[in-house]
């Protein structure tokens, strides 16, 4: 009996030991430390580009127009110079018919091509017109068949002037040798005289031979050869000329050494 009891106790102990769970510690793999993707790395500093020196467009086209062999009609050395502005407006000329200009001075001293003074112009937001006209009491008579060209010097001062940012126009009359506000003596075939379209051609700088922008600090010598103008009507007297632009195209500009090149009277 005692042996049987001992046997039962041993069997219970054996079953109890087999029922225990085996606890096993499984090492946890160490997670790698997260890294930041290189989206916000500092950009390398760019080396500033310094443009090479530019050519000065003085002048941008030969100072004469082609003529027949043996002819000296347009040779600049045989042309008389009739000044309009050299430090001051010449007698017989007026700028009172200029329009839509924020400021205008004839005695600019900081930006000058030659001499002491230049003309400084600030256009308005609308298209501003710097208009030079012959006055009725001037005694001047600029006959169209004798006037070869208008010559002037132009600069934007601290800012460049694109070669499509400004137009120049020469106006005239078949009635009197001076400018009149309601002169309808000049006509152009197919054009209504009192039309809002300009009767006289307004020529951009690139059609006058300026093959690039006038750089900051440069003066360009501009030639307006009248015989080269397209769609110019026929007229007897040259009575004025104007420069037209707006402040969004040219914030400020300067004009100096304005003169007509005139053929000698035969």
C-alpha atoms as a PDB file:
ATOM      1  CA  UNK A   1       0.000   0.000   0.000  1.00  0.00           C
ATOM      2  CA  UNK A   2       2.803   2.361   0.906  1.00  0.00           C
ATOM      3  CA  UNK A   3       4.572   1.573  -2.338  1.00  0.00           C
ATOM      4  CA  UNK A   4       1.447   2.412  -4.291  1.00  0.00           C
ATOM      5  CA  UNK A   5       1.094   5.793  -2.605  1.00  0.00           C
ATOM      6  CA  UNK A   6       4.730   6.657  -3.325  1.00  0.00           C
ATOM      7  CA  UNK A   7       4.229   5.694  -6.969  1.00  0.00           C
ATOM      8  CA  UNK A   8       1.201   7.985  -7.318  1.00  0.00           C
ATOM      9  CA  UNK A   9       3.052  10.926  -5.757  1.00  0.00           C
ATOM     10  CA  UNK A  10       5.980  10.490  -8.154  1.00  0.00           C
ATOM     11  CA  UNK A  11       3.588  10.404 -11.106  1.00  0.00           C
ATOM     12  CA  UNK A  12       1.925  13.681  -9.982  1.00  0.00           C
ATOM     13  CA  UNK A  13       5.290  15.418  -9.636  1.00  0.00           C
ATOM     14  CA  UNK A  14       6.342  14.235 -13.089  1.00  0.00           C
ATOM     15  CA  UNK A  15       3.139  15.562 -14.739  1.00  0.00           C
ATOM     16  CA  UNK A  16       3.465  18.929 -12.977  1.00  0.00           C
ATOM     17  CA  UNK A  17       6.978  19.458 -14.301  1.00  0.00           C
ATOM     18  CA  UNK A  18       5.973  18.711 -17.912  1.00  0.00           C
ATOM     19  CA  UNK A  19       3.080  21.237 -17.788  1.00  0.00           C
ATOM     20  CA  UNK A  20       5.322  24.263 -17.191  1.00  0.00           C
ATOM     21  CA  UNK A  21       5.913  26.612 -20.092  1.00  0.00           C
ATOM     22  CA  UNK A  22       9.409  27.155 -21.252  1.00  0.00           C
ATOM     23  CA  UNK A  23      10.143  30.873 -21.135  1.00  0.00           C
ATOM     24  CA  UNK A  24      12.611  31.862 -23.842  1.00  0.00           C
ATOM     25  CA  UNK A  25      13.936  35.425 -24.124  1.00  0.00           C
ATOM     26  CA  UNK A  26      14.238  36.239 -27.870  1.00  0.00           C
ATOM     27  CA  UNK A  27      16.584  39.171 -28.372  1.00  0.00           C
ATOM     28  CA  UNK A  28      14.887  42.034 -30.184  1.00  0.00           C
ATOM     29  CA  UNK A  29      16.756  43.193 -33.261  1.00  0.00           C
ATOM     30  CA  UNK A  30      17.911  46.780 -32.857  1.00  0.00           C
ATOM     31  CA  UNK A  31      16.115  49.089 -35.296  1.00  0.00           C
ATOM     32  CA  UNK A  32      18.442  51.287 -37.369  1.00  0.00           C
ATOM     33  CA  UNK A  33      18.505  54.963 -36.460  1.00  0.00           C
ATOM     34  CA  UNK A  34      16.403  56.852 -39.029  1.00  0.00           C
ATOM     35  CA  UNK A  35      18.259  59.342 -41.260  1.00  0.00           C
ATOM     36  CA  UNK A  36      16.942  62.539 -42.915  1.00  0.00           C
ATOM     37  CA  UNK A  37      16.723  62.463 -46.717  1.00  0.00           C
ATOM     38  CA  UNK A  38      18.980  65.094 -48.328  1.00  0.00           C
ATOM     39  CA  UNK A  39      16.133  67.263 -49.686  1.00  0.00           C
ATOM     40  CA  UNK A  40      17.190  70.333 -47.757  1.00  0.00           C
ATOM     41  CA  UNK A  41      20.899  70.342 -48.230  1.00  0.00           C
ATOM     42  CA  UNK A  42      22.447  73.768 -48.677  1.00  0.00           C
ATOM     43  CA  UNK A  43      22.707  74.725 -52.329  1.00  0.00           C
ATOM     44  CA  UNK A  44      26.154  75.524 -53.607  1.00  0.00           C
ATOM     45  CA  UNK A  45      26.787  79.238 -54.025  1.00  0.00           C
ATOM     46  CA  UNK A  46      26.654  80.239 -57.682  1.00  0.00           C
ATOM     47  CA  UNK A  47      29.542  82.196 -59.089  1.00  0.00           C
ATOM     48  CA  UNK A  48      28.249  85.570 -60.254  1.00  0.00           C
ATOM     49  CA  UNK A  49      28.387  86.102 -64.028  1.00  0.00           C
ATOM     50  CA  UNK A  50      30.153  89.267 -65.061  1.00  0.00           C
ATOM     51  CA  UNK A  51      29.312  90.116 -68.668  1.00  0.00           C
ATOM     52  CA  UNK A  52      32.182  91.085 -70.923  1.00  0.00           C
ATOM     53  CA  UNK A  53      32.529  94.722 -71.982  1.00  0.00           C
ATOM     54  CA  UNK A  54      30.071  95.731 -74.694  1.00  0.00           C
ATOM     55  CA  UNK A  55      30.748  97.689 -77.830  1.00  0.00           C
ATOM     56  CA  UNK A  56      29.697 101.311 -77.786  1.00  0.00           C
ATOM     57  CA  UNK A  57      27.200 101.958 -80.592  1.00  0.00           C
ATOM     58  CA  UNK A  58      28.524 105.345 -81.678  1.00  0.00           C
ATOM     59  CA  UNK A  59      27.305 105.381 -84.394  1.00  0.00           C
ATOM     60  CA  UNK A  60      25.481 102.158 -85.258  1.00  0.00           C
ATOM     61  CA  UNK A  61      25.359 102.748 -88.983  1.00  0.00           C
ATOM     62  CA  UNK A  62      27.561 104.585 -91.446  1.00  0.00           C
ATOM     63  CA  UNK A  63      26.977 108.333 -91.273  1.00  0.00           C
ATOM     64  CA  UNK A  64      25.715 108.591 -94.836  1.00  0.00           C
ATOM     65  CA  UNK A  65      23.216 106.935 -97.142  1.00  0.00           C
ATOM     66  CA  UNK A  66      24.188 105.098-100.334  1.00  0.00           C
ATOM     67  CA  UNK A  67      24.307 107.317-103.387  1.00  0.00           C
ATOM     68  CA  UNK A  68      25.014 106.807-107.053  1.00  0.00           C
ATOM     69  CA  UNK A  69      28.644 106.572-108.068  1.00  0.00           C
ATOM     70  CA  UNK A  70      30.233 109.972-108.316  1.00  0.00           C
ATOM     71  CA  UNK A  71      27.449 111.656-106.326  1.00  0.00           C
ATOM     72  CA  UNK A  72      28.250 113.530-103.118  1.00  0.00           C
ATOM     73  CA  UNK A  73      24.682 114.570-102.279  1.00  0.00           C
ATOM     74  CA  UNK A  74      24.562 112.641 -98.993  1.00  0.00           C
ATOM     75  CA  UNK A  75      28.252 112.675 -98.132  1.00  0.00           C
ATOM     76  CA  UNK A  76      28.258 113.936 -94.559  1.00  0.00           C
ATOM     77  CA  UNK A  77      31.327 116.061 -95.190  1.00  0.00           C
ATOM     78  CA  UNK A  78      29.328 118.074 -97.744  1.00  0.00           C
ATOM     79  CA  UNK A  79      26.328 118.634 -95.469  1.00  0.00           C
ATOM     80  CA  UNK A  80      25.672 121.793 -93.496  1.00  0.00           C
ATOM     81  CA  UNK A  81      24.827 121.461 -89.804  1.00  0.00           C
ATOM     82  CA  UNK A  82      21.783 123.307 -88.485  1.00  0.00           C
ATOM     83  CA  UNK A  83      21.719 122.973 -84.670  1.00  0.00           C
ATOM     84  CA  UNK A  84      18.513 122.445 -82.693  1.00  0.00           C
ATOM     85  CA  UNK A  85      20.023 121.882 -79.239  1.00  0.00           C
ATOM     86  CA  UNK A  86      23.580 122.404 -77.996  1.00  0.00           C
ATOM     87  CA  UNK A  87      23.498 123.238 -74.291  1.00  0.00           C
ATOM     88  CA  UNK A  88      20.376 125.285 -75.068  1.00  0.00           C
ATOM     89  CA  UNK A  89      17.485 125.224 -77.494  1.00  0.00           C
ATOM     90  CA  UNK A  90      18.353 127.124 -80.672  1.00  0.00           C
ATOM     91  CA  UNK A  91      16.396 130.203 -81.658  1.00  0.00           C
ATOM     92  CA  UNK A  92      13.264 129.424 -83.609  1.00  0.00           C
ATOM     93  CA  UNK A  93      12.590 126.085 -81.891  1.00  0.00           C
ATOM     94  CA  UNK A  94      10.046 125.211 -79.208  1.00  0.00           C
ATOM     95  CA  UNK A  95       9.226 122.192 -77.025  1.00  0.00           C
ATOM     96  CA  UNK A  96       5.952 123.588 -75.674  1.00  0.00           C
ATOM     97  CA  UNK A  97       3.971 121.128 -77.790  1.00  0.00           C
ATOM     98  CA  UNK A  98       5.439 118.149 -75.901  1.00  0.00           C
ATOM     99  CA  UNK A  99       2.803 116.065 -74.122  1.00  0.00           C
ATOM    100  CA  UNK A 100       2.361 113.477 -71.353  1.00  0.00           C
ATOM    101  CA  UNK A 101       5.760 114.003 -69.756  1.00  0.00           C
ATOM    102  CA  UNK A 102       6.231 113.685 -66.006  1.00  0.00           C
ATOM    103  CA  UNK A 103       9.284 115.942 -66.105  1.00  0.00           C
ATOM    104  CA  UNK A 104      11.397 117.784 -68.665  1.00  0.00           C
ATOM    105  CA  UNK A 105      14.540 119.856 -68.200  1.00  0.00           C
ATOM    106  CA  UNK A 106      16.895 121.456 -70.713  1.00  0.00           C
ATOM    107  CA  UNK A 107      19.738 121.883 -68.221  1.00  0.00           C
ATOM    108  CA  UNK A 108      20.660 118.370 -67.089  1.00  0.00           C
ATOM    109  CA  UNK A 109      24.253 118.361 -65.790  1.00  0.00           C
ATOM    110  CA  UNK A 110      24.851 114.805 -64.522  1.00  0.00           C
ATOM    111  CA  UNK A 111      24.284 112.933 -67.808  1.00  0.00           C
ATOM    112  CA  UNK A 112      25.780 114.893 -70.707  1.00  0.00           C
ATOM    113  CA  UNK A 113      27.226 113.799 -74.044  1.00  0.00           C
ATOM    114  CA  UNK A 114      29.067 116.993 -74.964  1.00  0.00           C
ATOM    115  CA  UNK A 115      29.179 120.479 -73.507  1.00  0.00           C
ATOM    116  CA  UNK A 116      27.613 121.526 -70.216  1.00  0.00           C
ATOM    117  CA  UNK A 117      23.974 120.484 -70.462  1.00  0.00           C
ATOM    118  CA  UNK A 118      21.637 117.866 -71.917  1.00  0.00           C
ATOM    119  CA  UNK A 119      17.863 117.368 -72.094  1.00  0.00           C
ATOM    120  CA  UNK A 120      16.424 115.022 -69.438  1.00  0.00           C
ATOM    121  CA  UNK A 121      12.980 113.529 -70.024  1.00  0.00           C
ATOM    122  CA  UNK A 122      10.727 111.403 -67.807  1.00  0.00           C
ATOM    123  CA  UNK A 123       7.727 110.060 -69.738  1.00  0.00           C
ATOM    124  CA  UNK A 124       4.405 109.501 -68.052  1.00  0.00           C
ATOM    125  CA  UNK A 125       2.757 106.086 -67.786  1.00  0.00           C
ATOM    126  CA  UNK A 126       0.988 106.849 -71.038  1.00  0.00           C
ATOM    127  CA  UNK A 127       2.984 107.433 -74.174  1.00  0.00           C
ATOM    128  CA  UNK A 128       4.977 110.632 -73.677  1.00  0.00           C
ATOM    129  CA  UNK A 129       6.034 112.822 -76.587  1.00  0.00           C
ATOM    130  CA  UNK A 130       9.071 115.119 -76.636  1.00  0.00           C
ATOM    131  CA  UNK A 131       8.095 117.388 -79.530  1.00  0.00           C
ATOM    132  CA  UNK A 132      10.433 119.926 -81.172  1.00  0.00           C
ATOM    133  CA  UNK A 133       8.677 122.373 -83.488  1.00  0.00           C
ATOM    134  CA  UNK A 134       9.661 125.341 -85.641  1.00  0.00           C
ATOM    135  CA  UNK A 135       7.954 128.507 -84.344  1.00  0.00           C
ATOM    136  CA  UNK A 136       6.040 130.861 -86.640  1.00  0.00           C
ATOM    137  CA  UNK A 137       8.422 133.755 -85.938  1.00  0.00           C
ATOM    138  CA  UNK A 138      11.603 131.712 -86.389  1.00  0.00           C
ATOM    139  CA  UNK A 139      12.487 132.740 -89.934  1.00  0.00           C
ATOM    140  CA  UNK A 140      13.755 129.154 -90.466  1.00  0.00           C
ATOM    141  CA  UNK A 141      12.999 127.376 -93.699  1.00  0.00           C
ATOM    142  CA  UNK A 142      14.006 123.714 -93.755  1.00  0.00           C
ATOM    143  CA  UNK A 143      13.031 122.514 -97.194  1.00  0.00           C
ATOM    144  CA  UNK A 144      12.423 118.780 -97.350  1.00  0.00           C
ATOM    145  CA  UNK A 145      14.406 118.385-100.582  1.00  0.00           C
ATOM    146  CA  UNK A 146      17.464 119.841 -98.850  1.00  0.00           C
ATOM    147  CA  UNK A 147      17.226 118.147 -95.433  1.00  0.00           C
ATOM    148  CA  UNK A 148      19.239 114.919 -95.505  1.00  0.00           C
ATOM    149  CA  UNK A 149      19.027 113.722 -91.915  1.00  0.00           C
ATOM    150  CA  UNK A 150      18.267 114.417 -88.288  1.00  0.00           C
ATOM    151  CA  UNK A 151      21.155 113.586 -85.940  1.00  0.00           C
ATOM    152  CA  UNK A 152      21.031 113.350 -82.157  1.00  0.00           C
ATOM    153  CA  UNK A 153      22.631 111.596 -79.224  1.00  0.00           C
ATOM    154  CA  UNK A 154      20.503 109.428 -76.944  1.00  0.00           C
ATOM    155  CA  UNK A 155      21.127 107.755 -73.569  1.00  0.00           C
ATOM    156  CA  UNK A 156      19.127 106.056 -70.841  1.00  0.00           C
ATOM    157  CA  UNK A 157      21.534 107.153 -68.128  1.00  0.00           C
ATOM    158  CA  UNK A 158      21.597 104.411 -65.497  1.00  0.00           C
ATOM    159  CA  UNK A 159      19.133 102.207 -67.411  1.00  0.00           C
ATOM    160  CA  UNK A 160      19.395 100.662 -70.890  1.00  0.00           C
ATOM    161  CA  UNK A 161      17.105 101.557 -73.786  1.00  0.00           C
ATOM    162  CA  UNK A 162      15.912  98.626 -75.901  1.00  0.00           C
ATOM    163  CA  UNK A 163      16.086  99.231 -79.620  1.00  0.00           C
ATOM    164  CA  UNK A 164      12.314  98.752 -79.932  1.00  0.00           C
ATOM    165  CA  UNK A 165      11.339 100.937 -76.957  1.00  0.00           C
ATOM    166  CA  UNK A 166      11.217 104.316 -78.670  1.00  0.00           C
ATOM    167  CA  UNK A 167      10.140 105.839 -81.965  1.00  0.00           C
ATOM    168  CA  UNK A 168      11.264 108.993 -83.765  1.00  0.00           C
ATOM    169  CA  UNK A 169       9.159 110.874 -86.280  1.00  0.00           C
ATOM    170  CA  UNK A 170       9.833 113.854 -88.557  1.00  0.00           C
ATOM    171  CA  UNK A 171       6.833 115.993 -89.514  1.00  0.00           C
ATOM    172  CA  UNK A 172       6.269 118.599 -92.205  1.00  0.00           C
ATOM    173  CA  UNK A 173       3.928 120.868 -94.116  1.00  0.00           C
ATOM    174  CA  UNK A 174       3.027 121.771 -97.674  1.00  0.00           C
ATOM    175  CA  UNK A 175       1.683 125.153 -96.592  1.00  0.00           C
ATOM    176  CA  UNK A 176       4.099 126.964 -94.253  1.00  0.00           C
ATOM    177  CA  UNK A 177       7.708 126.407 -93.036  1.00  0.00           C
ATOM    178  CA  UNK A 178       6.651 126.210 -89.361  1.00  0.00           C
ATOM    179  CA  UNK A 179       4.456 123.889 -87.333  1.00  0.00           C
ATOM    180  CA  UNK A 180       0.738 124.448 -86.983  1.00  0.00           C
ATOM    181  CA  UNK A 181      -1.459 122.272 -84.753  1.00  0.00           C
ATOM    182  CA  UNK A 182      -4.214 121.819 -87.364  1.00  0.00           C
ATOM    183  CA  UNK A 183      -2.110 121.716 -90.523  1.00  0.00           C
ATOM    184  CA  UNK A 184      -3.847 119.354 -92.955  1.00  0.00           C
ATOM    185  CA  UNK A 185      -1.806 120.268 -96.008  1.00  0.00           C
ATOM    186  CA  UNK A 186      -0.012 116.910 -96.156  1.00  0.00           C
ATOM    187  CA  UNK A 187      -1.846 113.821 -97.335  1.00  0.00           C
ATOM    188  CA  UNK A 188      -0.932 110.192 -97.854  1.00  0.00           C
ATOM    189  CA  UNK A 189      -2.662 108.027-100.431  1.00  0.00           C
ATOM    190  CA  UNK A 190      -5.213 105.799 -98.714  1.00  0.00           C
ATOM    191  CA  UNK A 191      -4.937 107.637 -95.377  1.00  0.00           C
ATOM    192  CA  UNK A 192      -7.559 109.920 -93.888  1.00  0.00           C
ATOM    193  CA  UNK A 193      -5.821 113.159 -92.858  1.00  0.00           C
ATOM    194  CA  UNK A 194      -7.620 113.502 -89.521  1.00  0.00           C
ATOM    195  CA  UNK A 195      -7.225 109.816 -88.656  1.00  0.00           C
ATOM    196  CA  UNK A 196      -5.922 108.805 -85.240  1.00  0.00           C
ATOM    197  CA  UNK A 197      -3.103 106.963 -87.007  1.00  0.00           C
ATOM    198  CA  UNK A 198       0.077 109.038 -87.394  1.00  0.00           C
ATOM    199  CA  UNK A 199       0.440 110.562 -90.851  1.00  0.00           C
ATOM    200  CA  UNK A 200       4.232 110.707 -90.663  1.00  0.00           C
ATOM    201  CA  UNK A 201       6.129 107.438 -90.034  1.00  0.00           C
ATOM    202  CA  UNK A 202       7.121 106.708 -86.435  1.00  0.00           C
ATOM    203  CA  UNK A 203      10.341 104.725 -86.788  1.00  0.00           C
ATOM    204  CA  UNK A 204      11.732 102.485 -84.081  1.00  0.00           C
ATOM    205  CA  UNK A 205      15.409 102.644 -83.208  1.00  0.00           C
ATOM    206  CA  UNK A 206      16.229  99.273 -84.747  1.00  0.00           C
ATOM    207  CA  UNK A 207      15.023 100.538 -88.160  1.00  0.00           C
ATOM    208  CA  UNK A 208      17.453 103.429 -87.746  1.00  0.00           C
ATOM    209  CA  UNK A 209      20.424 101.060 -87.577  1.00  0.00           C
ATOM    210  CA  UNK A 210      20.606 100.522 -83.813  1.00  0.00           C
ATOM    211  CA  UNK A 211      21.336  96.793 -83.753  1.00  0.00           C
ATOM    212  CA  UNK A 212      21.182  96.320 -79.972  1.00  0.00           C
ATOM    213  CA  UNK A 213      20.053  98.035 -76.796  1.00  0.00           C
ATOM    214  CA  UNK A 214      21.781 101.197 -75.650  1.00  0.00           C
ATOM    215  CA  UNK A 215      23.538  99.985 -72.512  1.00  0.00           C
ATOM    216  CA  UNK A 216      23.468 101.868 -69.235  1.00  0.00           C
ATOM    217  CA  UNK A 217      25.926 104.731 -69.319  1.00  0.00           C
ATOM    218  CA  UNK A 218      26.204 104.772 -73.115  1.00  0.00           C
ATOM    219  CA  UNK A 219      25.386 107.490 -75.624  1.00  0.00           C
ATOM    220  CA  UNK A 220      24.228 106.386 -79.062  1.00  0.00           C
ATOM    221  CA  UNK A 221      24.463 108.703 -82.041  1.00  0.00           C
ATOM    222  CA  UNK A 222      21.204 108.329 -83.957  1.00  0.00           C
ATOM    223  CA  UNK A 223      20.783 109.225 -87.641  1.00  0.00           C
ATOM    224  CA  UNK A 224      17.327 109.587 -89.162  1.00  0.00           C
ATOM    225  CA  UNK A 225      17.940 109.658 -92.927  1.00  0.00           C
ATOM    226  CA  UNK A 226      14.748 111.071 -94.362  1.00  0.00           C
ATOM    227  CA  UNK A 227      15.115 109.406 -97.756  1.00  0.00           C
ATOM    228  CA  UNK A 228      15.282 106.009 -96.044  1.00  0.00           C
ATOM    229  CA  UNK A 229      11.967 106.376 -94.204  1.00  0.00           C
ATOM    230  CA  UNK A 230       9.168 104.048 -95.282  1.00  0.00           C
ATOM    231  CA  UNK A 231       5.680 105.369 -96.099  1.00  0.00           C
ATOM    232  CA  UNK A 232       6.774 108.977 -95.802  1.00  0.00           C
ATOM    233  CA  UNK A 233       4.312 111.388 -97.458  1.00  0.00           C
ATOM    234  CA  UNK A 234       5.468 114.124 -99.800  1.00  0.00           C
ATOM    235  CA  UNK A 235       5.807 117.560 -98.240  1.00  0.00           C
ATOM    236  CA  UNK A 236       7.691 120.804 -98.813  1.00  0.00           C
ATOM    237  CA  UNK A 237       8.912 121.936 -95.392  1.00  0.00           C
ATOM    238  CA  UNK A 238      10.252 120.109 -92.350  1.00  0.00           C
ATOM    239  CA  UNK A 239       8.466 121.677 -89.384  1.00  0.00           C
ATOM    240  CA  UNK A 240       9.407 119.462 -86.451  1.00  0.00           C
ATOM    241  CA  UNK A 241      10.184 116.052 -85.014  1.00  0.00           C
ATOM    242  CA  UNK A 242       9.377 114.073 -81.877  1.00  0.00           C
ATOM    243  CA  UNK A 243      10.551 111.176 -79.717  1.00  0.00           C
ATOM    244  CA  UNK A 244       7.839 108.919 -78.314  1.00  0.00           C
ATOM    245  CA  UNK A 245       7.960 106.309 -75.532  1.00  0.00           C
ATOM    246  CA  UNK A 246       6.357 105.454 -72.177  1.00  0.00           C
ATOM    247  CA  UNK A 247       7.715 105.089 -68.652  1.00  0.00           C
ATOM    248  CA  UNK A 248       7.247 101.309 -68.581  1.00  0.00           C
ATOM    249  CA  UNK A 249       9.580 101.031 -71.578  1.00  0.00           C
ATOM    250  CA  UNK A 250      12.000 103.863 -70.833  1.00  0.00           C
ATOM    251  CA  UNK A 251      11.780 105.288 -67.273  1.00  0.00           C
ATOM    252  CA  UNK A 252      14.014 108.247 -68.149  1.00  0.00           C
ATOM    253  CA  UNK A 253      16.153 109.274 -71.087  1.00  0.00           C
ATOM    254  CA  UNK A 254      18.546 111.995 -72.148  1.00  0.00           C
ATOM    255  CA  UNK A 255      19.020 113.759 -75.487  1.00  0.00           C
ATOM    256  CA  UNK A 256      21.947 115.914 -76.558  1.00  0.00           C
ATOM    257  CA  UNK A 257      23.606 117.455 -79.628  1.00  0.00           C
ATOM    258  CA  UNK A 258      20.488 117.615 -81.814  1.00  0.00           C
ATOM    259  CA  UNK A 259      21.017 118.929 -85.338  1.00  0.00           C
ATOM    260  CA  UNK A 260      19.873 118.746 -88.930  1.00  0.00           C
ATOM    261  CA  UNK A 261      22.205 117.755 -91.739  1.00  0.00           C
ATOM    262  CA  UNK A 262      21.277 119.886 -94.732  1.00  0.00           C
ATOM    263  CA  UNK A 263      22.449 119.806 -98.328  1.00  0.00           C
ATOM    264  CA  UNK A 264      23.906 122.984 -99.711  1.00  0.00           C
ATOM    265  CA  UNK A 265      21.610 124.993-101.909  1.00  0.00           C
ATOM    266  CA  UNK A 266      22.503 124.406-105.548  1.00  0.00           C
END
